[in-house]
Amino acid sequence: YIRTPHALPFSASAKWVGVENLQVVEYNTHSGSSNAPIWMTRCAYCWVKGSQITYPDGDIVKVYWGYRDEIRDSYFSNSYTHGPGQNNACVFLAFKTSSSLVENNIFERTEQGVMLNWGAAGNVVGYNYMAGMYGVPSTVVVPSIEPHGTHPQFNLVEGNVGPGDW
């Protein structure tokens, strides 16, 4: 009998599930909702690839308690929400999400590109392009990648292009 121990930081509700080549357009919602077009919670080895999300009313992709998830080769643009709060129009890695990869994406006219929050640790944010980031008022340039909340640590941020500095 061979044992194969796994050290997941949680009991995953989903494993090896992904979205590829999906287009989501949320026209004129302005609902102020905390829902994101893609929300991965307690997901291990999950992915978003080659997708386009336009006009989201809140965060673009939320990853809570994720492990080894990937968000890559996608285009995210034109969010409605541009202000302080929990739904900042970005890829939001939070609640101890770890070992995840956000790579080779384009973010256009969102508040941030990637936000690392509430214990997100050991993630890689690399080679993304971010343009037209703005907050409230619209003359404020916000960081493209923002560590926020408590204890985002040991994250590698490399080769990204965008306004602001964290």
N, C-alpha and C. Protein backbone atom coordinates (compact mmCIF):
# COMPACT_ATOMS: atom_id res chain seq x y z
N TYR A 1 0.85 -1.18 0.00
CA TYR A 1 0.00 0.00 0.00
C TYR A 1 0.89 1.24 0.00
N ILE A 2 0.73 2.09 -1.02
CA ILE A 2 1.53 3.31 -1.14
C ILE A 2 0.69 4.50 -0.69
N ARG A 3 1.24 5.27 0.20
CA ARG A 3 0.53 6.47 0.66
C ARG A 3 1.06 7.68 -0.08
N THR A 4 0.17 8.55 -0.49
CA THR A 4 0.57 9.78 -1.17
C THR A 4 -0.02 10.96 -0.40
N PRO A 5 0.72 11.49 0.55
CA PRO A 5 0.19 12.60 1.35
C PRO A 5 0.10 13.88 0.53
N HIS A 6 -0.92 14.65 0.79
CA HIS A 6 -1.11 15.96 0.17
C HIS A 6 -1.27 16.99 1.26
N ALA A 7 -0.68 18.13 1.07
CA ALA A 7 -0.76 19.20 2.07
C ALA A 7 -1.54 20.37 1.53
N LEU A 8 -2.82 20.18 1.30
CA LEU A 8 -3.66 21.31 0.89
C LEU A 8 -3.99 22.13 2.12
N PRO A 9 -4.05 23.45 1.99
CA PRO A 9 -4.35 24.28 3.15
C PRO A 9 -5.82 24.23 3.56
N PHE A 10 -6.62 23.47 2.86
CA PHE A 10 -8.05 23.39 3.14
C PHE A 10 -8.59 22.14 2.45
N SER A 11 -9.81 21.84 2.72
CA SER A 11 -10.46 20.76 1.99
C SER A 11 -11.10 21.39 0.76
N ALA A 12 -10.60 21.03 -0.40
CA ALA A 12 -11.06 21.67 -1.65
C ALA A 12 -12.47 21.23 -2.01
N SER A 13 -13.31 22.21 -2.39
CA SER A 13 -14.64 21.85 -2.86
C SER A 13 -14.62 21.48 -4.33
N ALA A 14 -13.58 21.91 -5.04
CA ALA A 14 -13.44 21.57 -6.46
C ALA A 14 -11.95 21.44 -6.79
N LYS A 15 -11.65 20.50 -7.67
CA LYS A 15 -10.27 20.32 -8.13
C LYS A 15 -10.28 20.14 -9.63
N TRP A 16 -9.22 20.66 -10.27
CA TRP A 16 -9.01 20.48 -11.71
C TRP A 16 -10.22 20.93 -12.53
N VAL A 17 -10.76 22.10 -12.23
CA VAL A 17 -11.90 22.65 -12.96
C VAL A 17 -11.45 23.97 -13.58
N GLY A 18 -11.82 24.21 -14.83
CA GLY A 18 -11.38 25.44 -15.46
C GLY A 18 -12.35 26.00 -16.46
N VAL A 19 -12.07 27.23 -16.83
CA VAL A 19 -12.83 27.94 -17.86
C VAL A 19 -11.84 28.36 -18.92
N GLU A 20 -12.12 28.04 -20.16
CA GLU A 20 -11.24 28.43 -21.26
C GLU A 20 -12.06 29.06 -22.38
N ASN A 21 -11.48 30.10 -22.99
CA ASN A 21 -12.07 30.76 -24.16
C ASN A 21 -13.51 31.19 -23.91
N LEU A 22 -13.75 31.78 -22.76
CA LEU A 22 -15.08 32.26 -22.39
C LEU A 22 -15.11 33.78 -22.55
N GLN A 23 -16.22 34.30 -23.08
CA GLN A 23 -16.40 35.74 -23.16
C GLN A 23 -17.60 36.11 -22.29
N VAL A 24 -17.39 37.07 -21.38
CA VAL A 24 -18.46 37.56 -20.52
C VAL A 24 -18.55 39.06 -20.71
N VAL A 25 -19.73 39.56 -21.03
CA VAL A 25 -19.97 40.99 -21.17
C VAL A 25 -21.14 41.34 -20.26
N GLU A 26 -20.92 42.25 -19.30
CA GLU A 26 -21.97 42.65 -18.36
C GLU A 26 -22.35 44.10 -18.65
N TYR A 27 -23.21 44.33 -19.61
CA TYR A 27 -23.57 45.69 -19.99
C TYR A 27 -24.52 46.33 -18.99
N ASN A 28 -24.20 47.58 -18.62
CA ASN A 28 -25.11 48.46 -17.87
C ASN A 28 -25.72 47.85 -16.63
N THR A 29 -24.96 47.12 -15.86
CA THR A 29 -25.54 46.56 -14.64
C THR A 29 -25.50 47.56 -13.50
N HIS A 30 -24.36 48.14 -13.20
CA HIS A 30 -24.20 49.13 -12.13
C HIS A 30 -24.90 48.71 -10.84
N SER A 31 -24.89 47.45 -10.52
CA SER A 31 -25.64 46.96 -9.37
C SER A 31 -24.90 47.16 -8.05
N GLY A 32 -23.58 47.39 -8.12
CA GLY A 32 -22.80 47.50 -6.90
C GLY A 32 -22.63 46.15 -6.22
N SER A 33 -22.90 45.11 -6.94
CA SER A 33 -22.85 43.75 -6.40
C SER A 33 -21.42 43.34 -6.11
N SER A 34 -21.27 42.44 -5.14
CA SER A 34 -19.94 41.91 -4.85
C SER A 34 -19.65 40.67 -5.68
N ASN A 35 -20.57 40.29 -6.52
CA ASN A 35 -20.35 39.13 -7.37
C ASN A 35 -19.36 39.45 -8.46
N ALA A 36 -18.55 38.47 -8.78
CA ALA A 36 -17.60 38.59 -9.87
C ALA A 36 -18.07 37.65 -10.97
N PRO A 37 -17.80 37.97 -12.23
CA PRO A 37 -18.18 37.04 -13.29
C PRO A 37 -17.60 35.64 -13.07
N ILE A 38 -16.38 35.58 -12.52
CA ILE A 38 -15.79 34.28 -12.20
C ILE A 38 -15.35 34.32 -10.74
N TRP A 39 -15.82 33.37 -9.97
CA TRP A 39 -15.53 33.30 -8.54
C TRP A 39 -15.09 31.88 -8.22
N MET A 40 -13.83 31.73 -7.83
CA MET A 40 -13.31 30.41 -7.47
C MET A 40 -13.05 30.39 -5.97
N THR A 41 -13.83 29.62 -5.24
CA THR A 41 -13.68 29.51 -3.80
C THR A 41 -13.36 28.07 -3.43
N ARG A 42 -12.31 27.91 -2.63
CA ARG A 42 -11.86 26.58 -2.20
C ARG A 42 -11.64 25.67 -3.40
N CYS A 43 -10.94 26.19 -4.37
CA CYS A 43 -10.69 25.47 -5.62
C CYS A 43 -9.19 25.19 -5.71
N ALA A 44 -8.84 23.95 -6.01
CA ALA A 44 -7.43 23.59 -6.14
C ALA A 44 -7.16 23.17 -7.59
N TYR A 45 -6.07 23.68 -8.14
CA TYR A 45 -5.64 23.36 -9.51
C TYR A 45 -6.69 23.82 -10.54
N CYS A 46 -7.35 24.92 -10.29
CA CYS A 46 -8.38 25.45 -11.19
C CYS A 46 -7.79 26.55 -12.06
N TRP A 47 -8.46 26.92 -13.15
CA TRP A 47 -7.88 27.89 -14.07
C TRP A 47 -8.93 28.68 -14.83
N VAL A 48 -8.47 29.86 -15.28
CA VAL A 48 -9.17 30.71 -16.25
C VAL A 48 -8.13 30.98 -17.32
N LYS A 49 -8.44 30.64 -18.56
CA LYS A 49 -7.45 30.78 -19.63
C LYS A 49 -8.11 31.26 -20.91
N GLY A 50 -7.46 32.21 -21.59
CA GLY A 50 -7.91 32.67 -22.90
C GLY A 50 -9.29 33.29 -22.89
N SER A 51 -9.67 33.92 -21.79
CA SER A 51 -11.03 34.45 -21.65
C SER A 51 -11.04 35.97 -21.73
N GLN A 52 -12.20 36.52 -22.01
CA GLN A 52 -12.38 37.97 -22.07
C GLN A 52 -13.56 38.35 -21.20
N ILE A 53 -13.31 39.26 -20.24
CA ILE A 53 -14.38 39.74 -19.37
C ILE A 53 -14.40 41.25 -19.50
N THR A 54 -15.56 41.77 -19.94
CA THR A 54 -15.70 43.19 -20.21
C THR A 54 -16.86 43.77 -19.41
N TYR A 55 -16.72 45.00 -18.93
CA TYR A 55 -17.72 45.73 -18.17
C TYR A 55 -18.17 45.02 -16.90
N PRO A 56 -17.25 44.45 -16.11
CA PRO A 56 -17.70 43.83 -14.86
C PRO A 56 -18.15 44.89 -13.86
N ASP A 57 -19.09 44.54 -13.03
CA ASP A 57 -19.60 45.45 -12.01
C ASP A 57 -19.05 45.00 -10.65
N GLY A 58 -17.76 45.13 -10.47
CA GLY A 58 -17.09 44.64 -9.27
C GLY A 58 -15.80 43.98 -9.67
N ASP A 59 -15.32 43.07 -8.85
CA ASP A 59 -14.09 42.36 -9.19
C ASP A 59 -14.30 41.50 -10.43
N ILE A 60 -13.21 41.19 -11.10
CA ILE A 60 -13.27 40.42 -12.34
C ILE A 60 -13.23 38.93 -12.04
N VAL A 61 -12.20 38.50 -11.35
CA VAL A 61 -12.07 37.11 -10.92
C VAL A 61 -11.71 37.14 -9.44
N LYS A 62 -12.48 36.44 -8.62
CA LYS A 62 -12.17 36.32 -7.20
C LYS A 62 -11.68 34.90 -6.94
N VAL A 63 -10.58 34.81 -6.21
CA VAL A 63 -10.06 33.50 -5.81
C VAL A 63 -9.92 33.54 -4.29
N TYR A 64 -10.77 32.79 -3.60
CA TYR A 64 -10.73 32.70 -2.14
C TYR A 64 -10.31 31.29 -1.75
N TRP A 65 -9.38 31.18 -0.82
CA TRP A 65 -8.86 29.90 -0.34
C TRP A 65 -8.45 29.00 -1.52
N GLY A 66 -7.81 29.59 -2.52
CA GLY A 66 -7.38 28.83 -3.69
C GLY A 66 -6.00 28.21 -3.49
N TYR A 67 -5.75 27.17 -4.23
CA TYR A 67 -4.45 26.51 -4.17
C TYR A 67 -4.03 26.09 -5.57
N ARG A 68 -2.89 26.61 -6.02
CA ARG A 68 -2.33 26.31 -7.34
C ARG A 68 -3.31 26.58 -8.48
N ASP A 69 -4.01 27.69 -8.39
CA ASP A 69 -4.91 28.11 -9.46
C ASP A 69 -4.15 28.96 -10.47
N GLU A 70 -4.69 29.07 -11.69
CA GLU A 70 -4.05 29.88 -12.73
C GLU A 70 -5.06 30.78 -13.40
N ILE A 71 -4.63 32.02 -13.63
CA ILE A 71 -5.40 32.96 -14.44
C ILE A 71 -4.41 33.47 -15.47
N ARG A 72 -4.59 33.08 -16.73
CA ARG A 72 -3.57 33.41 -17.73
C ARG A 72 -4.17 33.63 -19.10
N ASP A 73 -3.39 34.36 -19.91
CA ASP A 73 -3.70 34.58 -21.33
C ASP A 73 -5.10 35.14 -21.55
N SER A 74 -5.53 36.05 -20.69
CA SER A 74 -6.89 36.59 -20.77
C SER A 74 -6.88 38.12 -20.89
N TYR A 75 -8.05 38.66 -21.22
CA TYR A 75 -8.22 40.11 -21.41
C TYR A 75 -9.37 40.57 -20.53
N PHE A 76 -9.08 41.52 -19.63
CA PHE A 76 -10.08 42.05 -18.70
C PHE A 76 -10.16 43.55 -18.90
N SER A 77 -11.38 44.09 -19.10
CA SER A 77 -11.45 45.53 -19.42
C SER A 77 -12.73 46.20 -18.98
N ASN A 78 -12.63 47.53 -18.88
CA ASN A 78 -13.76 48.46 -18.74
C ASN A 78 -14.69 48.16 -17.58
N SER A 79 -14.14 48.14 -16.38
CA SER A 79 -14.99 47.90 -15.22
C SER A 79 -15.76 49.16 -14.84
N TYR A 80 -16.92 48.95 -14.21
CA TYR A 80 -17.74 50.07 -13.77
C TYR A 80 -17.27 50.62 -12.43
N THR A 81 -16.86 49.77 -11.52
CA THR A 81 -16.56 50.19 -10.17
C THR A 81 -15.12 50.66 -10.07
N HIS A 82 -14.93 51.90 -9.67
CA HIS A 82 -13.59 52.46 -9.52
C HIS A 82 -13.53 53.25 -8.22
N GLY A 83 -13.58 52.58 -7.13
CA GLY A 83 -13.51 53.29 -5.87
C GLY A 83 -13.08 52.36 -4.75
N PRO A 84 -12.85 52.94 -3.57
CA PRO A 84 -12.43 52.11 -2.46
C PRO A 84 -13.53 51.15 -2.06
N GLY A 85 -13.13 50.04 -1.53
CA GLY A 85 -14.12 49.06 -1.08
C GLY A 85 -13.69 47.66 -1.45
N GLN A 86 -14.59 46.75 -1.34
CA GLN A 86 -14.24 45.34 -1.51
C GLN A 86 -14.27 44.90 -2.97
N ASN A 87 -14.86 45.64 -3.84
CA ASN A 87 -15.02 45.22 -5.23
C ASN A 87 -14.29 46.18 -6.15
N ASN A 88 -12.99 46.00 -6.25
CA ASN A 88 -12.15 46.99 -6.90
C ASN A 88 -11.80 46.69 -8.34
N ALA A 89 -12.59 45.88 -9.00
CA ALA A 89 -12.36 45.65 -10.42
C ALA A 89 -10.98 45.11 -10.70
N CYS A 90 -10.72 43.90 -10.25
CA CYS A 90 -9.40 43.32 -10.42
C CYS A 90 -9.48 41.81 -10.29
N VAL A 91 -8.35 41.17 -10.48
CA VAL A 91 -8.22 39.78 -10.07
C VAL A 91 -7.86 39.85 -8.59
N PHE A 92 -8.66 39.24 -7.79
CA PHE A 92 -8.59 39.39 -6.34
C PHE A 92 -8.20 38.05 -5.71
N LEU A 93 -6.95 37.94 -5.25
CA LEU A 93 -6.48 36.73 -4.58
C LEU A 93 -6.54 36.98 -3.08
N ALA A 94 -7.33 36.20 -2.35
CA ALA A 94 -7.54 36.49 -0.94
C ALA A 94 -7.75 35.23 -0.12
N PHE A 95 -7.87 35.42 1.19
CA PHE A 95 -8.14 34.36 2.15
C PHE A 95 -7.19 33.18 1.98
N LYS A 96 -5.91 33.46 2.14
CA LYS A 96 -4.86 32.44 2.14
C LYS A 96 -4.69 31.71 0.81
N THR A 97 -5.11 32.30 -0.28
CA THR A 97 -4.84 31.71 -1.59
C THR A 97 -3.33 31.61 -1.75
N SER A 98 -2.85 30.44 -2.16
CA SER A 98 -1.41 30.27 -2.25
C SER A 98 -1.02 29.44 -3.47
N SER A 99 0.22 29.63 -3.87
CA SER A 99 0.82 28.90 -4.99
C SER A 99 0.05 29.09 -6.29
N SER A 100 -0.59 30.23 -6.46
CA SER A 100 -1.37 30.49 -7.67
C SER A 100 -0.59 31.39 -8.62
N LEU A 101 -1.01 31.40 -9.87
CA LEU A 101 -0.29 32.10 -10.93
C LEU A 101 -1.24 33.02 -11.69
N VAL A 102 -0.88 34.28 -11.80
CA VAL A 102 -1.60 35.24 -12.64
C VAL A 102 -0.57 35.71 -13.67
N GLU A 103 -0.73 35.29 -14.93
CA GLU A 103 0.34 35.50 -15.90
C GLU A 103 -0.21 35.80 -17.29
N ASN A 104 0.48 36.73 -17.97
CA ASN A 104 0.24 37.03 -19.38
C ASN A 104 -1.20 37.47 -19.66
N ASN A 105 -1.72 38.34 -18.80
CA ASN A 105 -3.06 38.89 -18.99
C ASN A 105 -2.95 40.36 -19.38
N ILE A 106 -4.02 40.88 -19.96
CA ILE A 106 -4.13 42.31 -20.25
C ILE A 106 -5.27 42.86 -19.42
N PHE A 107 -4.98 43.92 -18.66
CA PHE A 107 -5.98 44.62 -17.87
C PHE A 107 -6.08 46.02 -18.43
N GLU A 108 -7.28 46.45 -18.82
CA GLU A 108 -7.45 47.78 -19.39
C GLU A 108 -8.65 48.45 -18.73
N ARG A 109 -8.41 49.68 -18.23
CA ARG A 109 -9.46 50.47 -17.58
C ARG A 109 -10.14 49.72 -16.43
N THR A 110 -9.33 49.22 -15.52
CA THR A 110 -9.83 48.67 -14.27
C THR A 110 -9.19 49.47 -13.14
N GLU A 111 -9.61 49.27 -11.90
CA GLU A 111 -8.97 50.04 -10.84
C GLU A 111 -7.58 49.49 -10.55
N GLN A 112 -7.47 48.24 -10.23
CA GLN A 112 -6.18 47.57 -10.13
C GLN A 112 -6.18 46.43 -11.14
N GLY A 113 -5.02 45.85 -11.33
CA GLY A 113 -4.95 44.64 -12.12
C GLY A 113 -5.11 43.43 -11.20
N VAL A 114 -4.27 43.39 -10.18
CA VAL A 114 -4.28 42.27 -9.24
C VAL A 114 -4.21 42.84 -7.83
N MET A 115 -5.05 42.31 -6.95
CA MET A 115 -4.99 42.67 -5.53
C MET A 115 -4.73 41.41 -4.72
N LEU A 116 -3.72 41.47 -3.87
CA LEU A 116 -3.36 40.37 -2.98
C LEU A 116 -3.80 40.75 -1.59
N ASN A 117 -4.64 39.94 -0.98
CA ASN A 117 -5.31 40.37 0.24
C ASN A 117 -5.47 39.22 1.23
N TRP A 118 -5.63 39.54 2.48
CA TRP A 118 -6.01 38.64 3.55
C TRP A 118 -5.27 37.31 3.51
N GLY A 119 -3.97 37.39 3.61
CA GLY A 119 -3.15 36.18 3.73
C GLY A 119 -2.79 35.49 2.43
N ALA A 120 -3.00 36.13 1.30
CA ALA A 120 -2.56 35.53 0.03
C ALA A 120 -1.04 35.46 0.05
N ALA A 121 -0.50 34.26 -0.07
CA ALA A 121 0.94 34.10 0.09
C ALA A 121 1.48 33.08 -0.91
N GLY A 122 2.71 33.33 -1.38
CA GLY A 122 3.38 32.39 -2.26
C GLY A 122 2.82 32.33 -3.66
N ASN A 123 2.21 33.40 -4.11
CA ASN A 123 1.64 33.47 -5.46
C ASN A 123 2.62 34.15 -6.41
N VAL A 124 2.41 33.97 -7.71
CA VAL A 124 3.24 34.61 -8.72
C VAL A 124 2.34 35.47 -9.60
N VAL A 125 2.69 36.74 -9.73
CA VAL A 125 2.01 37.66 -10.62
C VAL A 125 3.06 38.13 -11.61
N GLY A 126 3.02 37.61 -12.83
CA GLY A 126 4.10 37.90 -13.76
C GLY A 126 3.66 38.16 -15.18
N TYR A 127 4.33 39.11 -15.80
CA TYR A 127 4.23 39.39 -17.23
C TYR A 127 2.82 39.76 -17.68
N ASN A 128 2.15 40.56 -16.86
CA ASN A 128 0.84 41.10 -17.22
C ASN A 128 1.02 42.52 -17.73
N TYR A 129 0.10 42.97 -18.58
CA TYR A 129 0.12 44.34 -19.10
C TYR A 129 -1.12 45.04 -18.57
N MET A 130 -0.92 46.24 -17.99
CA MET A 130 -2.02 46.98 -17.37
C MET A 130 -1.99 48.42 -17.85
N ALA A 131 -3.13 48.89 -18.37
CA ALA A 131 -3.20 50.26 -18.89
C ALA A 131 -4.51 50.91 -18.48
N GLY A 132 -4.47 52.22 -18.25
CA GLY A 132 -5.68 52.97 -17.97
C GLY A 132 -6.26 52.73 -16.59
N MET A 133 -5.43 52.31 -15.62
CA MET A 133 -5.92 52.09 -14.27
C MET A 133 -6.29 53.45 -13.67
N TYR A 134 -7.42 53.51 -12.97
CA TYR A 134 -7.74 54.74 -12.27
C TYR A 134 -8.69 54.48 -11.12
N GLY A 135 -8.67 55.39 -10.17
CA GLY A 135 -9.53 55.29 -9.00
C GLY A 135 -10.52 56.43 -8.98
N VAL A 136 -10.99 56.77 -7.79
CA VAL A 136 -11.93 57.88 -7.63
C VAL A 136 -11.20 58.95 -6.85
N PRO A 137 -11.11 60.18 -7.30
CA PRO A 137 -11.55 60.67 -8.61
C PRO A 137 -10.71 60.05 -9.72
N SER A 138 -11.17 60.19 -10.94
CA SER A 138 -10.52 59.53 -12.07
C SER A 138 -9.12 60.06 -12.36
N THR A 139 -8.72 61.12 -11.70
CA THR A 139 -7.37 61.65 -11.90
C THR A 139 -6.34 60.95 -11.04
N VAL A 140 -6.77 60.07 -10.16
CA VAL A 140 -5.87 59.37 -9.26
C VAL A 140 -5.34 58.12 -9.95
N VAL A 141 -4.02 57.97 -9.99
CA VAL A 141 -3.42 56.75 -10.53
C VAL A 141 -3.23 55.79 -9.37
N VAL A 142 -3.77 54.60 -9.51
CA VAL A 142 -3.65 53.59 -8.45
C VAL A 142 -2.63 52.54 -8.88
N PRO A 143 -2.08 51.81 -7.93
CA PRO A 143 -1.10 50.80 -8.32
C PRO A 143 -1.72 49.69 -9.16
N SER A 144 -0.97 49.18 -10.08
CA SER A 144 -1.45 48.10 -10.94
C SER A 144 -1.62 46.80 -10.16
N ILE A 145 -0.71 46.57 -9.24
CA ILE A 145 -0.74 45.38 -8.40
C ILE A 145 -0.65 45.88 -6.97
N GLU A 146 -1.60 45.48 -6.14
CA GLU A 146 -1.66 46.06 -4.81
C GLU A 146 -1.74 44.99 -3.73
N PRO A 147 -0.76 44.98 -2.81
CA PRO A 147 -0.93 44.17 -1.61
C PRO A 147 -1.83 44.96 -0.67
N HIS A 148 -2.81 44.31 -0.10
CA HIS A 148 -3.81 45.04 0.66
C HIS A 148 -4.31 44.15 1.80
N GLY A 149 -4.88 44.73 2.81
CA GLY A 149 -5.40 43.92 3.91
C GLY A 149 -4.27 43.29 4.69
N THR A 150 -4.59 42.27 5.44
CA THR A 150 -3.61 41.67 6.33
C THR A 150 -2.80 40.57 5.67
N HIS A 151 -1.54 40.64 5.84
CA HIS A 151 -0.55 39.59 5.57
C HIS A 151 -0.46 39.01 4.17
N PRO A 152 -0.53 39.79 3.11
CA PRO A 152 -0.12 39.21 1.82
C PRO A 152 1.41 39.18 1.82
N GLN A 153 1.98 38.00 1.72
CA GLN A 153 3.43 37.89 1.87
C GLN A 153 4.01 36.81 0.99
N PHE A 154 5.31 36.93 0.72
CA PHE A 154 6.06 35.96 -0.07
C PHE A 154 5.48 35.79 -1.47
N ASN A 155 4.92 36.85 -2.03
CA ASN A 155 4.40 36.80 -3.40
C ASN A 155 5.45 37.34 -4.35
N LEU A 156 5.62 36.70 -5.50
CA LEU A 156 6.58 37.13 -6.50
C LEU A 156 5.85 37.97 -7.54
N VAL A 157 6.28 39.20 -7.72
CA VAL A 157 5.72 40.10 -8.72
C VAL A 157 6.86 40.43 -9.67
N GLU A 158 6.73 40.01 -10.95
CA GLU A 158 7.86 40.11 -11.86
C GLU A 158 7.40 40.39 -13.28
N GLY A 159 8.09 41.32 -13.95
CA GLY A 159 7.92 41.54 -15.38
C GLY A 159 6.60 42.14 -15.80
N ASN A 160 5.86 42.75 -14.88
CA ASN A 160 4.58 43.36 -15.22
C ASN A 160 4.80 44.78 -15.75
N VAL A 161 3.89 45.24 -16.59
CA VAL A 161 3.95 46.60 -17.11
C VAL A 161 2.65 47.28 -16.75
N GLY A 162 2.75 48.43 -16.05
CA GLY A 162 1.54 49.16 -15.68
C GLY A 162 1.88 50.37 -14.84
N PRO A 163 0.89 51.24 -14.63
CA PRO A 163 1.11 52.46 -13.86
C PRO A 163 1.16 52.19 -12.37
N GLY A 164 1.71 53.15 -11.63
CA GLY A 164 1.74 53.04 -10.18
C GLY A 164 2.82 52.07 -9.71
N ASP A 165 3.03 52.08 -8.43
CA ASP A 165 4.03 51.20 -7.85
C ASP A 165 3.50 50.76 -6.51
N TRP A 166 3.78 49.56 -6.17
CA TRP A 166 3.33 49.07 -4.86
C TRP A 166 4.46 49.08 -3.92
